[in-house]
N, C-alpha and C. Protein backbone atom coordinates (compact mmCIF):
# COMPACT_ATOMS: atom_id res chain seq x y z
N MET A 1 72.00 -12.79 -3.35
CA MET A 1 72.00 -11.56 -4.08
C MET A 1 70.55 -11.65 -4.27
N THR A 2 70.24 -10.32 -3.81
CA THR A 2 68.54 -10.01 -4.13
C THR A 2 68.07 -9.70 -5.32
N SER A 3 67.06 -10.46 -5.65
CA SER A 3 66.17 -10.20 -7.25
C SER A 3 66.26 -8.49 -7.32
N PRO A 4 65.98 -8.18 -8.47
CA PRO A 4 65.50 -6.51 -8.63
C PRO A 4 64.16 -6.30 -7.97
N ALA A 5 63.29 -7.31 -8.40
CA ALA A 5 62.09 -6.96 -7.78
C ALA A 5 62.12 -6.74 -6.41
N LYS A 6 62.97 -7.76 -5.77
CA LYS A 6 62.87 -7.42 -4.24
C LYS A 6 63.59 -6.26 -3.86
N ASP A 7 64.82 -5.50 -4.67
CA ASP A 7 65.38 -4.50 -4.57
C ASP A 7 64.33 -3.64 -4.59
N VAL A 8 63.43 -3.51 -5.49
CA VAL A 8 62.49 -2.26 -5.50
C VAL A 8 61.52 -2.40 -4.16
N ARG A 9 60.98 -3.62 -3.84
CA ARG A 9 60.29 -3.39 -3.07
C ARG A 9 60.68 -2.92 -1.42
N ILE A 10 61.96 -3.26 -1.38
CA ILE A 10 62.65 -2.79 -0.23
C ILE A 10 62.91 -1.44 -0.31
N GLY A 11 63.12 -0.97 -1.64
CA GLY A 11 63.55 0.74 -2.01
C GLY A 11 62.46 1.80 -1.31
N ILE A 12 61.07 0.62 -1.75
CA ILE A 12 59.67 1.37 -1.30
C ILE A 12 59.41 1.63 0.17
N GLY A 13 59.99 0.52 0.33
CA GLY A 13 59.74 0.44 1.85
C GLY A 13 60.19 1.48 2.77
N LEU A 14 61.73 1.56 2.39
CA LEU A 14 62.82 2.40 3.23
C LEU A 14 62.14 3.88 2.61
N CYS A 15 61.50 4.10 1.71
CA CYS A 15 61.09 5.56 1.29
C CYS A 15 59.93 5.73 2.32
N LEU A 16 58.85 4.72 2.34
CA LEU A 16 58.27 5.32 3.03
C LEU A 16 58.24 5.46 4.72
N LEU A 17 59.10 4.88 5.02
CA LEU A 17 60.00 4.71 6.43
C LEU A 17 60.24 5.87 6.40
N SER A 18 61.64 6.59 5.59
CA SER A 18 61.57 7.98 5.54
C SER A 18 60.85 8.99 5.76
N MET A 19 59.73 8.78 4.59
CA MET A 19 58.92 9.85 4.72
C MET A 19 58.13 9.89 5.67
N PHE A 20 57.75 8.93 6.36
CA PHE A 20 57.20 9.01 7.72
C PHE A 20 58.06 9.64 9.17
N ILE A 21 59.38 9.23 8.79
CA ILE A 21 60.51 9.73 10.04
C ILE A 21 59.97 11.58 9.73
N PHE A 22 60.32 11.60 8.55
CA PHE A 22 60.27 13.21 7.73
C PHE A 22 58.91 14.17 8.69
N ALA A 23 57.86 13.17 8.43
CA ALA A 23 56.92 13.91 8.65
C ALA A 23 56.76 13.69 10.23
N MET A 24 57.25 13.26 11.09
CA MET A 24 57.42 13.41 12.48
C MET A 24 58.34 14.46 13.08
N GLN A 25 59.30 14.46 11.88
CA GLN A 25 60.43 15.66 12.28
C GLN A 25 59.71 17.40 11.60
N ASP A 26 58.62 16.98 10.85
CA ASP A 26 57.85 18.32 10.40
C ASP A 26 56.99 18.94 11.46
N GLY A 27 55.97 17.59 12.01
CA GLY A 27 55.62 18.09 13.40
C GLY A 27 55.80 18.73 14.43
N LEU A 28 57.39 18.64 15.10
CA LEU A 28 57.98 18.98 15.92
C LEU A 28 58.69 20.20 15.42
N THR A 29 59.09 20.00 13.95
CA THR A 29 59.28 21.62 13.74
C THR A 29 58.40 22.49 13.78
N LYS A 30 57.26 22.18 13.46
CA LYS A 30 56.41 23.31 13.49
C LYS A 30 56.09 23.68 14.88
N THR A 31 55.78 22.89 16.21
CA THR A 31 55.71 23.28 17.21
C THR A 31 56.64 24.27 17.64
N LEU A 32 58.08 23.81 17.19
CA LEU A 32 59.02 24.67 17.77
C LEU A 32 59.64 25.87 16.90
N VAL A 33 59.10 25.87 15.60
CA VAL A 33 59.28 27.30 14.84
C VAL A 33 58.69 28.16 15.65
N LYS A 34 57.72 28.39 16.16
CA LYS A 34 56.67 29.36 16.76
C LYS A 34 57.80 30.06 17.96
N ASP A 35 58.80 29.44 18.64
CA ASP A 35 59.68 30.14 19.69
C ASP A 35 60.61 30.33 19.27
N LEU A 36 61.30 29.61 18.49
CA LEU A 36 63.19 29.53 18.07
C LEU A 36 63.13 29.46 16.72
N PRO A 37 64.42 30.20 16.77
CA PRO A 37 64.72 30.79 14.84
C PRO A 37 64.98 29.09 14.37
N VAL A 38 64.27 29.28 12.81
CA VAL A 38 64.47 28.12 12.34
C VAL A 38 66.04 28.19 12.27
N VAL A 39 66.84 29.04 11.91
CA VAL A 39 68.26 28.29 11.63
C VAL A 39 68.83 27.37 12.96
N GLN A 40 68.44 27.83 14.27
CA GLN A 40 68.92 27.25 15.22
C GLN A 40 68.33 25.73 14.83
N LEU A 41 67.04 25.43 14.66
CA LEU A 41 66.68 24.00 14.44
C LEU A 41 67.47 23.39 13.53
N VAL A 42 67.99 24.20 12.43
CA VAL A 42 68.56 23.51 11.21
C VAL A 42 69.92 23.11 11.91
N MET A 43 70.66 23.86 12.45
CA MET A 43 71.78 23.77 13.21
C MET A 43 71.57 22.65 14.21
N VAL A 44 70.83 22.38 15.09
CA VAL A 44 70.67 21.17 15.73
C VAL A 44 70.43 19.79 14.87
N ARG A 45 69.58 20.13 14.18
CA ARG A 45 69.49 18.91 13.00
C ARG A 45 70.84 18.30 12.68
N TYR A 46 71.39 19.17 12.27
CA TYR A 46 72.99 19.14 11.65
C TYR A 46 74.16 18.48 12.44
N TRP A 47 73.81 18.92 13.67
CA TRP A 47 74.75 18.63 14.67
C TRP A 47 74.59 16.94 15.08
N PHE A 48 73.23 16.73 15.07
CA PHE A 48 72.86 15.40 15.44
C PHE A 48 72.99 14.46 14.13
N PHE A 49 73.21 15.20 13.13
CA PHE A 49 72.90 14.14 11.84
C PHE A 49 74.72 14.08 11.64
N LEU A 50 75.80 14.99 12.10
CA LEU A 50 77.08 14.84 12.00
C LEU A 50 77.46 13.52 13.00
N LEU A 51 76.95 13.71 14.14
CA LEU A 51 77.36 12.85 15.10
C LEU A 51 77.28 11.32 14.40
N PHE A 52 75.79 11.30 13.98
CA PHE A 52 75.58 9.93 13.18
C PHE A 52 76.47 9.43 12.25
N ALA A 53 76.55 10.63 11.39
CA ALA A 53 77.69 10.22 10.05
C ALA A 53 78.96 9.96 10.61
N VAL A 54 79.28 10.50 11.59
CA VAL A 54 80.55 9.51 11.98
C VAL A 54 80.51 8.47 12.55
N VAL A 55 79.97 8.55 13.39
CA VAL A 55 79.57 7.08 14.14
C VAL A 55 79.38 5.96 12.88
N PHE A 56 78.58 6.24 12.16
CA PHE A 56 78.40 5.35 10.67
C PHE A 56 79.77 5.11 10.01
N VAL A 57 80.41 5.84 9.61
CA VAL A 57 81.48 5.70 8.86
C VAL A 57 82.71 5.05 9.64
N LEU A 58 83.30 5.34 10.76
CA LEU A 58 83.95 4.50 11.65
C LEU A 58 83.25 3.02 11.50
N LEU A 59 82.50 2.74 11.46
CA LEU A 59 81.50 1.34 11.46
C LEU A 59 81.64 0.62 10.45
N LYS A 60 81.76 1.53 9.32
CA LYS A 60 81.73 1.10 7.50
C LYS A 60 83.36 1.15 6.96
N GLY A 61 84.51 1.28 7.91
CA GLY A 61 85.84 1.73 6.73
C GLY A 61 86.53 2.22 7.17
N GLY A 62 85.97 3.45 7.95
CA GLY A 62 87.04 4.44 8.62
C GLY A 62 86.90 6.04 7.72
N LEU A 63 87.25 6.74 8.54
CA LEU A 63 87.01 8.10 7.99
C LEU A 63 88.18 8.44 6.53
N LYS A 64 89.11 7.70 6.93
CA LYS A 64 90.31 7.83 5.67
C LYS A 64 89.51 7.34 4.33
N ARG A 65 88.84 6.14 4.29
CA ARG A 65 88.38 6.00 2.77
C ARG A 65 87.30 6.79 2.59
N ALA A 66 86.43 7.38 3.80
CA ALA A 66 85.23 8.27 3.30
C ALA A 66 85.34 9.76 2.81
N VAL A 67 86.35 10.22 3.22
CA VAL A 67 86.96 11.12 2.75
C VAL A 67 87.00 11.57 1.53
N ARG A 68 87.67 10.43 1.02
CA ARG A 68 87.91 10.28 -0.27
C ARG A 68 86.43 10.39 -1.55
N THR A 69 86.64 11.57 -1.82
CA THR A 69 85.43 11.79 -3.25
C THR A 69 86.18 12.58 -4.61
N GLY A 70 85.71 11.38 -5.43
CA GLY A 70 85.65 12.37 -6.75
C GLY A 70 84.96 13.64 -7.66
N GLN A 71 84.15 13.91 -6.49
CA GLN A 71 83.29 15.29 -6.81
C GLN A 71 83.40 16.21 -5.54
N PRO A 72 84.42 16.83 -5.05
CA PRO A 72 84.34 17.73 -4.22
C PRO A 72 83.28 18.59 -4.31
N MET A 73 83.58 19.29 -5.18
CA MET A 73 82.26 20.53 -5.51
C MET A 73 80.83 20.13 -5.35
N LEU A 74 80.55 19.27 -5.83
CA LEU A 74 79.31 18.68 -5.93
C LEU A 74 78.65 18.01 -4.30
N GLN A 75 79.56 17.54 -3.83
CA GLN A 75 79.61 17.26 -2.46
C GLN A 75 79.00 18.32 -1.56
N VAL A 76 80.08 19.08 -1.97
CA VAL A 76 79.80 20.56 -0.92
C VAL A 76 78.78 21.25 -1.16
N LEU A 77 78.18 21.55 -2.64
CA LEU A 77 77.34 22.16 -3.14
C LEU A 77 76.01 21.51 -2.88
N ARG A 78 75.98 20.14 -2.93
CA ARG A 78 74.70 19.16 -2.19
C ARG A 78 74.49 19.61 -0.49
N ALA A 79 75.55 19.77 -0.16
CA ALA A 79 75.60 19.72 1.37
C ALA A 79 74.88 21.02 1.81
N LEU A 80 75.34 22.25 1.26
CA LEU A 80 74.88 23.37 1.46
C LEU A 80 73.54 23.46 0.91
N LEU A 81 73.01 22.99 -0.11
CA LEU A 81 71.60 22.95 -0.75
C LEU A 81 70.92 22.23 0.35
N GLY A 82 71.36 21.00 1.24
CA GLY A 82 70.54 20.41 1.79
C GLY A 82 70.05 21.45 3.31
N VAL A 83 71.07 22.36 3.62
CA VAL A 83 70.63 23.32 4.52
C VAL A 83 70.00 24.25 4.50
N PHE A 84 70.01 24.65 3.12
CA PHE A 84 68.97 25.66 2.70
C PHE A 84 67.68 25.50 2.53
N GLU A 85 67.76 24.01 1.92
CA GLU A 85 66.13 23.61 1.76
C GLU A 85 65.32 23.45 2.90
N ILE A 86 66.04 22.49 4.02
CA ILE A 86 65.60 22.43 5.42
C ILE A 86 65.13 23.70 5.87
N ALA A 87 65.59 24.84 6.13
CA ALA A 87 65.62 26.11 6.21
C ALA A 87 64.39 26.79 5.58
N VAL A 88 64.36 26.24 4.34
CA VAL A 88 63.36 27.45 3.69
C VAL A 88 62.05 26.71 3.97
N PHE A 89 62.38 25.19 4.33
CA PHE A 89 60.56 24.22 4.60
C PHE A 89 60.17 24.65 5.78
N GLY A 90 61.23 24.89 7.05
CA GLY A 90 60.89 25.60 8.35
C GLY A 90 60.00 26.76 8.24
N LEU A 91 60.81 27.27 7.44
CA LEU A 91 60.15 29.00 7.16
C LEU A 91 58.53 28.83 6.94
N ALA A 92 58.45 28.07 5.65
CA ALA A 92 57.21 27.80 5.37
C ALA A 92 56.49 27.01 6.38
N LEU A 93 56.55 26.43 7.37
CA LEU A 93 55.73 26.01 8.65
C LEU A 93 55.49 27.17 9.31
N ARG A 94 56.19 27.84 9.57
CA ARG A 94 56.18 29.12 9.90
C ARG A 94 54.93 30.18 9.54
N TYR A 95 54.62 29.98 8.69
CA TYR A 95 53.49 30.91 8.01
C TYR A 95 52.39 29.89 7.37
N LEU A 96 52.67 28.57 7.24
CA LEU A 96 51.41 27.98 6.78
C LEU A 96 51.37 26.62 7.65
N GLY A 97 50.09 26.51 7.41
CA GLY A 97 49.68 24.52 8.76
C GLY A 97 50.39 23.58 7.70
N LEU A 98 50.71 22.65 8.66
CA LEU A 98 51.51 21.45 8.25
C LEU A 98 50.94 20.98 6.95
N ALA A 99 49.44 20.52 7.21
CA ALA A 99 48.97 20.31 5.94
C ALA A 99 49.16 21.03 4.58
N GLU A 100 49.08 22.02 4.65
CA GLU A 100 49.32 22.93 3.59
C GLU A 100 50.61 22.94 3.00
N THR A 101 51.36 22.81 4.07
CA THR A 101 53.07 22.87 3.24
C THR A 101 52.93 21.74 2.76
N HIS A 102 52.64 20.30 3.38
CA HIS A 102 53.16 19.28 2.64
C HIS A 102 52.40 19.24 1.32
N ALA A 103 50.86 19.50 1.29
CA ALA A 103 50.00 19.58 -0.02
C ALA A 103 50.90 20.11 -0.77
N ILE A 104 51.59 21.36 -1.06
CA ILE A 104 52.34 21.77 -1.69
C ILE A 104 54.14 20.87 -2.12
N TYR A 105 54.41 20.95 -1.07
CA TYR A 105 55.62 20.18 -1.33
C TYR A 105 55.64 18.68 -1.69
N ALA A 106 54.49 18.18 -2.24
CA ALA A 106 54.20 17.02 -2.49
C ALA A 106 54.75 16.84 -4.18
N ILE A 107 54.95 17.94 -4.90
CA ILE A 107 55.19 17.93 -5.99
C ILE A 107 56.59 17.61 -6.55
N PHE A 108 57.34 17.68 -5.65
CA PHE A 108 58.80 17.30 -5.56
C PHE A 108 58.98 16.07 -6.14
N PRO A 109 58.14 14.80 -6.35
CA PRO A 109 58.57 13.76 -7.07
C PRO A 109 58.58 14.07 -8.37
N LEU A 110 57.59 15.05 -8.63
CA LEU A 110 57.34 15.39 -10.22
C LEU A 110 58.47 16.34 -10.48
N LEU A 111 59.07 17.32 -10.10
CA LEU A 111 60.12 18.07 -10.01
C LEU A 111 61.20 17.17 -10.34
N THR A 112 61.60 16.23 -9.24
CA THR A 112 62.75 15.58 -9.63
C THR A 112 62.90 14.35 -10.88
N MET A 113 61.73 13.78 -11.29
CA MET A 113 61.45 13.00 -12.44
C MET A 113 62.06 13.96 -13.49
N LEU A 114 61.47 15.06 -13.67
CA LEU A 114 61.46 16.10 -14.55
C LEU A 114 63.12 16.62 -14.59
N LEU A 115 63.95 16.94 -13.68
CA LEU A 115 65.05 17.30 -13.60
C LEU A 115 65.74 15.93 -14.06
N ALA A 116 65.71 15.02 -13.65
CA ALA A 116 66.35 13.52 -13.74
C ALA A 116 66.49 13.56 -15.46
N ALA A 117 65.50 13.34 -16.07
CA ALA A 117 65.32 13.65 -17.49
C ALA A 117 66.10 14.21 -17.84
N LEU A 118 66.02 15.48 -17.58
CA LEU A 118 66.57 16.59 -18.54
C LEU A 118 68.37 16.63 -17.96
N VAL A 119 68.52 16.57 -16.85
CA VAL A 119 69.88 16.58 -16.57
C VAL A 119 70.65 15.35 -16.32
N LEU A 120 70.29 14.70 -16.16
CA LEU A 120 70.74 13.12 -15.95
C LEU A 120 70.61 12.20 -16.92
N ARG A 121 69.43 12.59 -18.12
CA ARG A 121 69.14 11.65 -19.33
C ARG A 121 68.51 10.57 -18.90
N GLU A 122 68.22 10.54 -17.59
CA GLU A 122 67.28 9.51 -17.46
C GLU A 122 65.93 8.98 -17.95
N SER A 123 66.05 7.93 -18.43
CA SER A 123 64.45 7.37 -19.29
C SER A 123 63.31 7.61 -18.07
N VAL A 124 62.09 8.43 -18.34
CA VAL A 124 60.98 8.26 -17.44
C VAL A 124 59.72 7.56 -18.14
N SER A 125 59.31 6.34 -17.89
CA SER A 125 58.13 6.17 -18.28
C SER A 125 57.07 6.61 -18.10
N LEU A 126 56.04 6.33 -19.07
CA LEU A 126 54.55 6.86 -18.77
C LEU A 126 54.21 6.51 -17.20
N ARG A 127 54.26 5.04 -17.24
CA ARG A 127 53.78 4.51 -15.85
C ARG A 127 54.18 5.47 -14.88
N GLN A 128 55.71 5.60 -14.68
CA GLN A 128 56.00 6.43 -13.56
C GLN A 128 55.19 7.81 -13.31
N THR A 129 55.44 8.34 -14.66
CA THR A 129 54.92 9.95 -14.43
C THR A 129 53.61 10.09 -13.85
N LEU A 130 52.43 9.03 -14.34
CA LEU A 130 51.25 8.75 -13.87
C LEU A 130 51.16 8.45 -12.39
N ALA A 131 52.11 7.75 -11.96
CA ALA A 131 52.42 7.11 -10.73
C ALA A 131 52.76 8.29 -9.96
N ALA A 132 53.42 9.25 -10.29
CA ALA A 132 53.79 10.43 -9.47
C ALA A 132 52.16 11.39 -9.37
N MET A 133 51.88 11.71 -10.38
CA MET A 133 50.97 12.70 -10.62
C MET A 133 49.54 12.03 -9.88
N VAL A 134 48.92 10.69 -10.01
CA VAL A 134 48.08 10.60 -9.01
C VAL A 134 48.65 10.27 -7.41
N GLY A 135 49.95 10.45 -7.03
CA GLY A 135 50.33 10.21 -5.89
C GLY A 135 50.11 12.07 -5.34
N PHE A 136 50.97 12.79 -6.34
CA PHE A 136 50.35 14.38 -5.65
C PHE A 136 48.92 14.30 -5.79
N ALA A 137 47.99 13.87 -6.48
CA ALA A 137 46.87 14.39 -6.27
C ALA A 137 45.99 13.83 -5.26
N GLY A 138 46.48 12.46 -4.96
CA GLY A 138 45.87 11.88 -4.00
C GLY A 138 46.14 12.40 -2.62
N THR A 139 47.93 12.83 -2.32
CA THR A 139 47.93 13.93 -1.17
C THR A 139 46.67 15.11 -0.84
N LEU A 140 46.80 15.77 -2.03
CA LEU A 140 45.67 16.86 -2.20
C LEU A 140 44.43 16.25 -1.27
N ILE A 141 43.84 15.54 -2.20
CA ILE A 141 42.60 14.73 -1.56
C ILE A 141 42.98 14.71 -0.13
N ILE A 142 43.44 13.55 0.14
CA ILE A 142 43.67 13.24 1.57
C ILE A 142 43.68 14.86 2.71
N LEU A 143 44.85 15.67 2.33
CA LEU A 143 45.35 16.39 3.02
C LEU A 143 44.30 17.77 3.28
N GLN A 144 43.55 17.81 1.61
CA GLN A 144 42.41 19.07 1.73
C GLN A 144 43.21 20.40 2.32
N PRO A 145 43.95 20.65 1.79
CA PRO A 145 44.45 22.15 2.01
C PRO A 145 43.25 23.14 1.96
N GLY A 146 43.45 24.17 2.74
CA GLY A 146 42.31 25.33 2.46
C GLY A 146 42.57 26.15 1.46
N MET A 147 41.34 26.61 0.76
CA MET A 147 41.56 27.51 -0.11
C MET A 147 42.92 28.52 -0.15
N GLY A 148 42.81 29.17 1.15
CA GLY A 148 43.55 30.25 1.10
C GLY A 148 45.20 30.00 1.33
N VAL A 149 45.76 28.59 0.69
CA VAL A 149 47.27 28.15 0.88
C VAL A 149 47.58 28.93 -0.30
N PHE A 150 46.96 29.46 -1.66
CA PHE A 150 47.49 29.62 -2.73
C PHE A 150 47.69 31.27 -2.72
N SER A 151 48.81 31.68 -1.48
CA SER A 151 48.90 32.97 -1.65
C SER A 151 50.51 32.89 -1.92
N VAL A 152 50.74 34.41 -1.40
CA VAL A 152 52.59 34.49 -1.77
C VAL A 152 53.33 33.38 -0.76
N ALA A 153 52.87 33.16 0.03
CA ALA A 153 53.22 31.86 1.30
C ALA A 153 53.63 30.60 1.14
N SER A 154 52.73 30.50 -0.18
CA SER A 154 52.51 29.24 -0.79
C SER A 154 54.04 29.30 -1.71
N LEU A 155 54.58 30.01 -2.26
CA LEU A 155 55.69 29.99 -2.99
C LEU A 155 56.79 29.51 -1.82
N ILE A 156 56.98 29.22 -0.63
CA ILE A 156 57.92 29.19 0.07
C ILE A 156 58.11 27.50 0.04
N PRO A 157 57.04 26.79 0.43
CA PRO A 157 57.50 25.37 0.07
C PRO A 157 57.63 24.76 -1.18
N LEU A 158 57.13 25.70 -2.19
CA LEU A 158 57.03 25.29 -3.65
C LEU A 158 58.62 25.33 -4.04
N LEU A 159 59.32 26.48 -3.51
CA LEU A 159 60.88 26.73 -3.50
C LEU A 159 61.24 25.27 -2.84
N SER A 160 60.81 25.18 -1.46
CA SER A 160 61.67 24.12 -0.83
C SER A 160 61.82 22.75 -1.88
N ALA A 161 60.35 22.83 -2.45
CA ALA A 161 60.45 21.36 -3.14
C ALA A 161 61.22 21.28 -4.31
N PHE A 162 61.60 22.51 -4.87
CA PHE A 162 61.95 22.41 -6.10
C PHE A 162 63.72 22.15 -5.49
N MET A 163 64.32 22.66 -4.66
CA MET A 163 65.70 22.95 -4.12
C MET A 163 65.31 21.26 -3.94
N PHE A 164 64.91 20.53 -3.19
CA PHE A 164 64.81 19.12 -2.68
C PHE A 164 64.95 18.25 -3.71
N ALA A 165 64.38 18.32 -5.10
CA ALA A 165 64.03 17.76 -6.27
C ALA A 165 65.71 18.10 -6.62
N VAL A 166 66.27 19.32 -6.74
CA VAL A 166 67.38 19.34 -7.22
C VAL A 166 68.90 18.41 -6.08
N PHE A 167 68.22 18.67 -4.97
CA PHE A 167 69.26 17.85 -3.84
C PHE A 167 69.24 16.38 -4.53
N ASN A 168 68.13 15.99 -4.88
CA ASN A 168 68.13 14.28 -5.13
C ASN A 168 68.97 13.89 -6.51
N VAL A 169 68.95 14.73 -7.52
CA VAL A 169 69.66 14.84 -8.76
C VAL A 169 71.09 14.77 -8.30
N LEU A 170 71.46 15.63 -7.32
CA LEU A 170 72.83 15.80 -7.19
C LEU A 170 73.03 14.45 -6.50
N THR A 171 72.23 13.90 -5.53
CA THR A 171 72.80 12.45 -4.78
C THR A 171 72.95 11.63 -6.18
N ARG A 172 71.73 11.78 -6.83
CA ARG A 172 71.91 10.76 -8.07
C ARG A 172 72.94 10.89 -8.33
N LYS A 173 73.54 12.05 -8.96
CA LYS A 173 74.81 12.39 -9.66
C LYS A 173 76.19 11.73 -9.32
N ILE A 174 76.13 12.06 -7.61
CA ILE A 174 77.54 11.83 -6.89
C ILE A 174 77.41 10.12 -6.78
N SER A 175 76.12 9.90 -6.57
CA SER A 175 76.32 8.58 -6.28
C SER A 175 76.70 7.16 -7.23
N GLN A 176 77.52 8.09 -8.37
CA GLN A 176 77.85 7.27 -9.30
C GLN A 176 79.28 6.89 -9.15
N THR A 177 80.04 8.03 -8.61
CA THR A 177 81.45 7.53 -8.36
C THR A 177 81.74 7.61 -6.68
N ASP A 178 80.77 8.37 -5.62
CA ASP A 178 81.22 8.23 -4.23
C ASP A 178 80.17 6.90 -3.55
N SER A 179 80.84 7.13 -2.53
CA SER A 179 79.88 5.73 -1.75
C SER A 179 79.07 6.52 -0.94
N PHE A 180 78.17 5.56 -0.28
CA PHE A 180 77.08 5.92 0.64
C PHE A 180 78.01 6.72 2.01
N SER A 181 79.18 6.17 2.27
CA SER A 181 79.59 6.45 3.55
C SER A 181 80.01 8.21 3.26
N THR A 182 80.79 8.37 2.00
CA THR A 182 81.09 9.51 1.61
C THR A 182 80.12 10.41 1.52
N ASN A 183 79.00 10.28 0.99
CA ASN A 183 78.08 11.13 0.84
C ASN A 183 77.51 11.29 2.57
N MET A 184 77.43 10.61 3.28
CA MET A 184 76.89 11.00 4.65
C MET A 184 78.04 11.76 5.61
N LEU A 185 79.21 11.41 5.21
CA LEU A 185 80.10 12.44 5.94
C LEU A 185 80.33 13.97 5.38
N TYR A 186 80.16 13.79 4.05
CA TYR A 186 80.54 15.45 3.49
C TYR A 186 79.06 16.07 4.00
N MET A 187 78.24 15.36 3.59
CA MET A 187 76.70 16.21 3.77
C MET A 187 76.70 16.36 5.42
N GLY A 188 76.70 15.75 6.49
CA GLY A 188 77.13 15.86 8.03
C GLY A 188 77.86 17.06 8.14
N PHE A 189 79.53 16.71 7.79
CA PHE A 189 80.39 17.93 7.87
C PHE A 189 79.92 19.24 7.69
N TRP A 190 79.81 19.49 6.21
CA TRP A 190 79.57 20.80 5.67
C TRP A 190 78.30 21.61 5.92
N GLY A 191 77.04 20.31 6.21
CA GLY A 191 75.99 20.84 6.82
C GLY A 191 76.10 21.68 7.85
N ALA A 192 76.64 20.98 8.88
CA ALA A 192 76.89 21.26 10.14
C ALA A 192 77.62 22.49 10.29
N VAL A 193 78.66 22.81 9.43
CA VAL A 193 79.48 23.94 9.53
C VAL A 193 78.42 25.12 8.92
N ALA A 194 78.18 24.80 7.99
CA ALA A 194 76.84 26.23 7.42
C ALA A 194 76.01 26.58 8.21
N SER A 195 75.26 25.48 8.91
CA SER A 195 74.36 25.75 9.56
C SER A 195 74.57 26.33 10.90
N THR A 196 75.96 26.22 11.33
CA THR A 196 76.28 27.03 12.58
C THR A 196 76.88 28.08 12.28
N MET A 197 77.46 28.19 10.97
CA MET A 197 77.68 29.74 10.88
C MET A 197 76.31 30.55 10.66
N MET A 198 75.72 29.80 10.09
CA MET A 198 73.93 30.67 9.89
C MET A 198 73.20 30.83 11.25
N GLY A 199 73.23 30.07 12.09
CA GLY A 199 72.39 30.04 13.42
C GLY A 199 73.29 30.18 15.10
N GLY A 200 74.42 30.21 14.77
CA GLY A 200 75.31 30.26 15.98
C GLY A 200 74.67 31.43 16.82
N GLY A 201 75.05 32.14 15.78
CA GLY A 201 74.31 34.06 16.65
C GLY A 201 73.32 34.07 16.71
N GLN A 202 72.53 33.24 16.54
CA GLN A 202 70.57 33.36 16.85
C GLN A 202 70.45 32.39 17.79
N TRP A 203 71.32 31.89 18.58
CA TRP A 203 70.75 31.07 19.58
C TRP A 203 70.14 31.71 20.57
N VAL A 204 68.99 30.91 20.84
CA VAL A 204 67.75 31.14 21.55
C VAL A 204 67.49 29.82 22.71
N THR A 205 67.67 29.95 24.23
CA THR A 205 67.87 28.88 25.23
C THR A 205 66.79 28.27 24.98
N PRO A 206 66.47 26.95 25.01
CA PRO A 206 65.03 26.70 24.73
C PRO A 206 64.78 26.50 26.01
N THR A 207 63.40 26.54 26.51
CA THR A 207 62.41 26.14 27.83
C THR A 207 62.89 24.45 27.94
N ALA A 208 62.55 24.06 28.82
CA ALA A 208 62.86 22.61 28.91
C ALA A 208 62.17 21.38 28.27
N PRO A 209 60.56 22.00 27.98
CA PRO A 209 59.73 21.06 27.40
C PRO A 209 60.62 21.28 25.49
N GLN A 210 61.02 22.58 25.34
CA GLN A 210 60.99 22.80 23.68
C GLN A 210 62.77 21.93 23.52
N ALA A 211 63.49 21.74 24.81
CA ALA A 211 65.01 21.08 24.58
C ALA A 211 64.62 19.48 24.39
N THR A 212 63.41 19.16 25.18
CA THR A 212 63.15 17.71 25.18
C THR A 212 62.61 17.55 23.44
N ASN A 213 61.99 18.64 22.85
CA ASN A 213 61.18 18.37 21.53
C ASN A 213 62.78 18.12 20.77
N CYS A 214 63.55 19.22 20.93
CA CYS A 214 64.71 19.43 20.18
C CYS A 214 65.48 18.17 20.13
N LEU A 215 65.74 17.27 21.45
CA LEU A 215 66.45 16.28 21.62
C LEU A 215 65.90 15.11 20.67
N GLY A 216 64.19 14.88 20.66
CA GLY A 216 63.50 14.13 19.76
C GLY A 216 64.11 14.29 18.34
N TYR A 217 63.78 15.34 18.03
CA TYR A 217 64.16 16.33 16.49
C TYR A 217 65.40 15.61 16.18
N GLY A 218 66.58 15.71 16.90
CA GLY A 218 67.58 15.66 16.66
C GLY A 218 67.98 13.71 16.06
N ASP A 219 67.09 13.00 17.36
CA ASP A 219 67.00 11.73 17.57
C ASP A 219 66.82 11.24 16.02
N LEU A 220 65.66 11.86 15.63
CA LEU A 220 64.84 11.21 14.35
C LEU A 220 65.88 11.07 13.22
N CYS A 221 67.18 12.02 13.38
CA CYS A 221 68.14 12.17 12.11
C CYS A 221 68.76 10.74 12.08
N TYR A 222 69.12 9.88 13.45
CA TYR A 222 69.51 8.93 13.20
C TYR A 222 68.89 7.72 12.23
N PHE A 223 67.37 7.70 12.27
CA PHE A 223 66.83 6.86 11.81
C PHE A 223 66.35 7.33 10.22
N ARG A 224 66.62 8.66 10.16
CA ARG A 224 66.20 9.37 8.75
C ARG A 224 67.61 8.80 7.64
N GLY A 225 68.85 8.41 8.25
CA GLY A 225 69.90 7.90 7.10
C GLY A 225 70.40 9.15 6.51
N GLU A 226 70.70 8.94 5.12
CA GLU A 226 71.49 10.03 4.45
C GLU A 226 70.98 11.55 4.47
N ASN A 227 69.68 11.97 4.60
CA ASN A 227 68.74 13.10 4.14
C ASN A 227 68.80 13.36 5.79
N PRO A 228 69.27 14.65 6.30
CA PRO A 228 68.93 15.20 7.72
C PRO A 228 67.52 15.71 7.64
């Protein structure tokens, strides 16, 4: 049994790895959204994630156990929110640079803490608040977004950040009753259904280089884990 301190270090490490892979996905997204519909990219992303989720669930106890959920409506709502959040973020990359988008999106930890305190009644220490604020300020300093970022287009990544914060709170709430495998399966299935309904009619056949990028884009979902 691991100690609480070690669990925290492992959690921090996994979070950093997840964000690094997230950044690589965003780089590919920025390249692909120039010529391909955003909803098509979201659809491809969820197809790969559903495949990963099914394989993961089969290895961790089977589908029969994973489909059992105590909060079916919240599971579906969370999955749909994930689809729209990714689509909104992809739209932001079409109108803003990668650095500018991430600089604004970096506010999501603050929003998550605020929502966790208001909705889940979780206690948030001053140290946690200061750490999130310092992290957000550090991101702005490192990325140095241009002054032109504060435009109407800047509201797009801000909306995406808020949606991701709500997504995190829903994940926390659902995880109190449902297993990780259940969360994975519902996220993958309903996300794939919703994104296919949105993007199936807008399919644009990619070129060979674009298809290669799409393959890499989707493969990164295997390493991202629960959130595609």
